[in-house]
Amino acid sequence: MEYLQDLCLFIKERKKFWLVPVILILLLLGILIIFGGSSALAPFIYTIF
């Protein structure tokens, strides 16, 4: 959790607000890959890519 606090403080102090959408997209793709690889929906998710 300390890593997330440091990341938020970095974004606020350095005014790097463009990093927020990049981080969110990376998190969503990671979650999709983790859950898509172990579920019955995997064949449908792989057709997206």
PDB file of N, CA and C in Angstrom:
ATOM      1  N   MET A   1       0.822  -1.200   0.000  1.00  0.00           N
ATOM      2  CA  MET A   1       0.000   0.000   0.000  1.00  0.00           C
ATOM      3  C   MET A   1       0.864   1.262   0.000  1.00  0.00           C
ATOM      4  N   GLU A   2       2.051   1.158   0.541  1.00  0.00           N
ATOM      5  CA  GLU A   2       2.933   2.326   0.565  1.00  0.00           C
ATOM      6  C   GLU A   2       3.332   2.738  -0.849  1.00  0.00           C
ATOM      7  N   TYR A   3       3.449   1.762  -1.723  1.00  0.00           N
ATOM      8  CA  TYR A   3       3.788   2.049  -3.119  1.00  0.00           C
ATOM      9  C   TYR A   3       2.688   2.892  -3.774  1.00  0.00           C
ATOM     10  N   LEU A   4       1.432   2.565  -3.504  1.00  0.00           N
ATOM     11  CA  LEU A   4       0.323   3.330  -4.073  1.00  0.00           C
ATOM     12  C   LEU A   4       0.290   4.753  -3.538  1.00  0.00           C
ATOM     13  N   GLN A   5       0.596   4.921  -2.256  1.00  0.00           N
ATOM     14  CA  GLN A   5       0.641   6.265  -1.680  1.00  0.00           C
ATOM     15  C   GLN A   5       1.762   7.088  -2.313  1.00  0.00           C
ATOM     16  N   ASP A   6       2.919   6.462  -2.504  1.00  0.00           N
ATOM     17  CA  ASP A   6       4.036   7.162  -3.148  1.00  0.00           C
ATOM     18  C   ASP A   6       3.692   7.550  -4.575  1.00  0.00           C
ATOM     19  N   LEU A   7       3.012   6.662  -5.276  1.00  0.00           N
ATOM     20  CA  LEU A   7       2.618   6.955  -6.651  1.00  0.00           C
ATOM     21  C   LEU A   7       1.626   8.121  -6.706  1.00  0.00           C
ATOM     22  N   CYS A   8       0.666   8.148  -5.806  1.00  0.00           N
ATOM     23  CA  CYS A   8      -0.306   9.245  -5.766  1.00  0.00           C
ATOM     24  C   CYS A   8       0.366  10.571  -5.425  1.00  0.00           C
ATOM     25  N   LEU A   9       1.272  10.551  -4.467  1.00  0.00           N
ATOM     26  CA  LEU A   9       1.993  11.777  -4.115  1.00  0.00           C
ATOM     27  C   LEU A   9       2.860  12.272  -5.273  1.00  0.00           C
ATOM     28  N   PHE A  10       3.481  11.343  -5.995  1.00  0.00           N
ATOM     29  CA  PHE A  10       4.292  11.722  -7.144  1.00  0.00           C
ATOM     30  C   PHE A  10       3.443  12.415  -8.203  1.00  0.00           C
ATOM     31  N   ILE A  11       2.271  11.842  -8.478  1.00  0.00           N
ATOM     32  CA  ILE A  11       1.389  12.416  -9.494  1.00  0.00           C
ATOM     33  C   ILE A  11       0.914  13.806  -9.076  1.00  0.00           C
ATOM     34  N   LYS A  12       0.580  13.978  -7.803  1.00  0.00           N
ATOM     35  CA  LYS A  12       0.097  15.282  -7.328  1.00  0.00           C
ATOM     36  C   LYS A  12       1.197  16.340  -7.333  1.00  0.00           C
ATOM     37  N   GLU A  13       2.372  15.979  -6.817  1.00  0.00           N
ATOM     38  CA  GLU A  13       3.447  16.965  -6.683  1.00  0.00           C
ATOM     39  C   GLU A  13       4.027  17.376  -8.027  1.00  0.00           C
ATOM     40  N   ARG A  14       4.165  16.427  -8.945  1.00  0.00           N
ATOM     41  CA  ARG A  14       4.807  16.720 -10.222  1.00  0.00           C
ATOM     42  C   ARG A  14       3.805  17.095 -11.313  1.00  0.00           C
ATOM     43  N   LYS A  15       2.511  17.104 -10.979  1.00  0.00           N
ATOM     44  CA  LYS A  15       1.440  17.450 -11.928  1.00  0.00           C
ATOM     45  C   LYS A  15       1.465  16.549 -13.165  1.00  0.00           C
ATOM     46  N   LYS A  16       1.665  15.265 -12.932  1.00  0.00           N
ATOM     47  CA  LYS A  16       1.706  14.284 -14.020  1.00  0.00           C
ATOM     48  C   LYS A  16       0.361  13.558 -14.119  1.00  0.00           C
ATOM     49  N   PHE A  17      -0.693  14.327 -14.321  1.00  0.00           N
ATOM     50  CA  PHE A  17      -2.035  13.752 -14.331  1.00  0.00           C
ATOM     51  C   PHE A  17      -2.288  12.881 -15.557  1.00  0.00           C
ATOM     52  N   TRP A  18      -1.462  12.992 -16.579  1.00  0.00           N
ATOM     53  CA  TRP A  18      -1.623  12.154 -17.758  1.00  0.00           C
ATOM     54  C   TRP A  18      -1.264  10.705 -17.457  1.00  0.00           C
ATOM     55  N   LEU A  19      -0.586  10.453 -16.342  1.00  0.00           N
ATOM     56  CA  LEU A  19      -0.231   9.084 -15.975  1.00  0.00           C
ATOM     57  C   LEU A  19      -1.429   8.283 -15.469  1.00  0.00           C
ATOM     58  N   VAL A  20      -2.459   8.956 -14.974  1.00  0.00           N
ATOM     59  CA  VAL A  20      -3.607   8.262 -14.388  1.00  0.00           C
ATOM     60  C   VAL A  20      -4.301   7.351 -15.407  1.00  0.00           C
ATOM     61  N   PRO A  21      -4.649   7.822 -16.612  1.00  0.00           N
ATOM     62  CA  PRO A  21      -5.286   6.903 -17.565  1.00  0.00           C
ATOM     63  C   PRO A  21      -4.379   5.753 -17.998  1.00  0.00           C
ATOM     64  N   VAL A  22      -3.083   6.012 -18.103  1.00  0.00           N
ATOM     65  CA  VAL A  22      -2.146   4.956 -18.494  1.00  0.00           C
ATOM     66  C   VAL A  22      -2.120   3.863 -17.437  1.00  0.00           C
ATOM     67  N   ILE A  23      -2.052   4.249 -16.184  1.00  0.00           N
ATOM     68  CA  ILE A  23      -2.027   3.280 -15.086  1.00  0.00           C
ATOM     69  C   ILE A  23      -3.333   2.506 -15.023  1.00  0.00           C
ATOM     70  N   LEU A  24      -4.456   3.179 -15.200  1.00  0.00           N
ATOM     71  CA  LEU A  24      -5.751   2.500 -15.163  1.00  0.00           C
ATOM     72  C   LEU A  24      -5.897   1.483 -16.291  1.00  0.00           C
ATOM     73  N   ILE A  25      -5.461   1.833 -17.480  1.00  0.00           N
ATOM     74  CA  ILE A  25      -5.549   0.899 -18.606  1.00  0.00           C
ATOM     75  C   ILE A  25      -4.661  -0.320 -18.365  1.00  0.00           C
ATOM     76  N   LEU A  26      -3.463  -0.097 -17.844  1.00  0.00           N
ATOM     77  CA  LEU A  26      -2.586  -1.220 -17.543  1.00  0.00           C
ATOM     78  C   LEU A  26      -3.183  -2.133 -16.477  1.00  0.00           C
ATOM     79  N   LEU A  27      -3.794  -1.554 -15.459  1.00  0.00           N
ATOM     80  CA  LEU A  27      -4.445  -2.367 -14.428  1.00  0.00           C
ATOM     81  C   LEU A  27      -5.611  -3.166 -14.993  1.00  0.00           C
ATOM     82  N   LEU A  28      -6.426  -2.542 -15.826  1.00  0.00           N
ATOM     83  CA  LEU A  28      -7.557  -3.246 -16.423  1.00  0.00           C
ATOM     84  C   LEU A  28      -7.100  -4.383 -17.332  1.00  0.00           C
ATOM     85  N   LEU A  29      -6.060  -4.168 -18.108  1.00  0.00           N
ATOM     86  CA  LEU A  29      -5.538  -5.237 -18.953  1.00  0.00           C
ATOM     87  C   LEU A  29      -4.969  -6.382 -18.122  1.00  0.00           C
ATOM     88  N   GLY A  30      -4.293  -6.048 -17.040  1.00  0.00           N
ATOM     89  CA  GLY A  30      -3.764  -7.079 -16.152  1.00  0.00           C
ATOM     90  C   GLY A  30      -4.858  -7.910 -15.521  1.00  0.00           C
ATOM     91  N   ILE A  31      -5.916  -7.256 -15.073  1.00  0.00           N
ATOM     92  CA  ILE A  31      -7.044  -7.973 -14.475  1.00  0.00           C
ATOM     93  C   ILE A  31      -7.726  -8.852 -15.520  1.00  0.00           C
ATOM     94  N   LEU A  32      -7.877  -8.336 -16.726  1.00  0.00           N
ATOM     95  CA  LEU A  32      -8.492  -9.103 -17.800  1.00  0.00           C
ATOM     96  C   LEU A  32      -7.677 -10.346 -18.122  1.00  0.00           C
ATOM     97  N   ILE A  33      -6.377 -10.221 -18.147  1.00  0.00           N
ATOM     98  CA  ILE A  33      -5.516 -11.368 -18.443  1.00  0.00           C
ATOM     99  C   ILE A  33      -5.572 -12.396 -17.317  1.00  0.00           C
ATOM    100  N   ILE A  34      -5.560 -11.937 -16.080  1.00  0.00           N
ATOM    101  CA  ILE A  34      -5.590 -12.867 -14.949  1.00  0.00           C
ATOM    102  C   ILE A  34      -6.902 -13.642 -14.905  1.00  0.00           C
ATOM    103  N   PHE A  35      -8.015 -12.936 -14.999  1.00  0.00           N
ATOM    104  CA  PHE A  35      -9.309 -13.615 -14.922  1.00  0.00           C
ATOM    105  C   PHE A  35      -9.658 -14.323 -16.227  1.00  0.00           C
ATOM    106  N   GLY A  36      -9.183 -13.827 -17.332  1.00  0.00           N
ATOM    107  CA  GLY A  36      -9.493 -14.449 -18.615  1.00  0.00           C
ATOM    108  C   GLY A  36      -8.779 -15.765 -18.838  1.00  0.00           C
ATOM    109  N   GLY A  37      -7.623 -15.919 -18.264  1.00  0.00           N
ATOM    110  CA  GLY A  37      -6.868 -17.152 -18.442  1.00  0.00           C
ATOM    111  C   GLY A  37      -7.409 -18.315 -17.649  1.00  0.00           C
ATOM    112  N   SER A  38      -8.176 -18.036 -16.614  1.00  0.00           N
ATOM    113  CA  SER A  38      -8.641 -19.118 -15.748  1.00  0.00           C
ATOM    114  C   SER A  38     -10.162 -19.263 -15.728  1.00  0.00           C
ATOM    115  N   SER A  39     -10.839 -18.697 -16.705  1.00  0.00           N
ATOM    116  CA  SER A  39     -12.294 -18.791 -16.681  1.00  0.00           C
ATOM    117  C   SER A  39     -12.808 -19.451 -17.955  1.00  0.00           C
ATOM    118  N   ALA A  40     -14.097 -19.708 -17.975  1.00  0.00           N
ATOM    119  CA  ALA A  40     -14.723 -20.303 -19.147  1.00  0.00           C
ATOM    120  C   ALA A  40     -14.883 -19.283 -20.264  1.00  0.00           C
ATOM    121  N   LEU A  41     -14.684 -18.022 -19.961  1.00  0.00           N
ATOM    122  CA  LEU A  41     -14.798 -16.968 -20.974  1.00  0.00           C
ATOM    123  C   LEU A  41     -13.505 -16.743 -21.744  1.00  0.00           C
ATOM    124  N   ALA A  42     -12.471 -17.512 -21.439  1.00  0.00           N
ATOM    125  CA  ALA A  42     -11.166 -17.316 -22.061  1.00  0.00           C
ATOM    126  C   ALA A  42     -11.222 -17.325 -23.590  1.00  0.00           C
ATOM    127  N   PRO A  43     -11.923 -18.252 -24.245  1.00  0.00           N
ATOM    128  CA  PRO A  43     -11.937 -18.210 -25.717  1.00  0.00           C
ATOM    129  C   PRO A  43     -12.535 -16.922 -26.281  1.00  0.00           C
ATOM    130  N   PHE A  44     -13.494 -16.341 -25.591  1.00  0.00           N
ATOM    131  CA  PHE A  44     -14.111 -15.112 -26.074  1.00  0.00           C
ATOM    132  C   PHE A  44     -13.206 -13.906 -25.849  1.00  0.00           C
ATOM    133  N   ILE A  45     -12.452 -13.929 -24.772  1.00  0.00           N
ATOM    134  CA  ILE A  45     -11.543 -12.820 -24.476  1.00  0.00           C
ATOM    135  C   ILE A  45     -10.365 -12.840 -25.451  1.00  0.00           C
ATOM    136  N   TYR A  46      -9.892 -14.034 -25.798  1.00  0.00           N
ATOM    137  CA  TYR A  46      -8.750 -14.117 -26.702  1.00  0.00           C
ATOM    138  C   TYR A  46      -9.096 -13.642 -28.106  1.00  0.00           C
ATOM    139  N   THR A  47     -10.372 -13.697 -28.487  1.00  0.00           N
ATOM    140  CA  THR A  47     -10.740 -13.204 -29.804  1.00  0.00           C
ATOM    141  C   THR A  47     -10.669 -11.680 -29.880  1.00  0.00           C
ATOM    142  N   ILE A  48     -10.723 -11.001 -28.742  1.00  0.00           N
ATOM    143  CA  ILE A  48     -10.601  -9.538 -28.724  1.00  0.00           C
ATOM    144  C   ILE A  48      -9.199  -9.128 -29.166  1.00  0.00           C
ATOM    145  N   PHE A  49      -8.213  -9.884 -28.732  1.00  0.00           N
ATOM    146  CA  PHE A  49      -6.823  -9.562 -29.048  1.00  0.00           C
ATOM    147  C   PHE A  49      -6.395 -10.245 -30.318  1.00  0.00           C
TER     148      PHE A  49
END
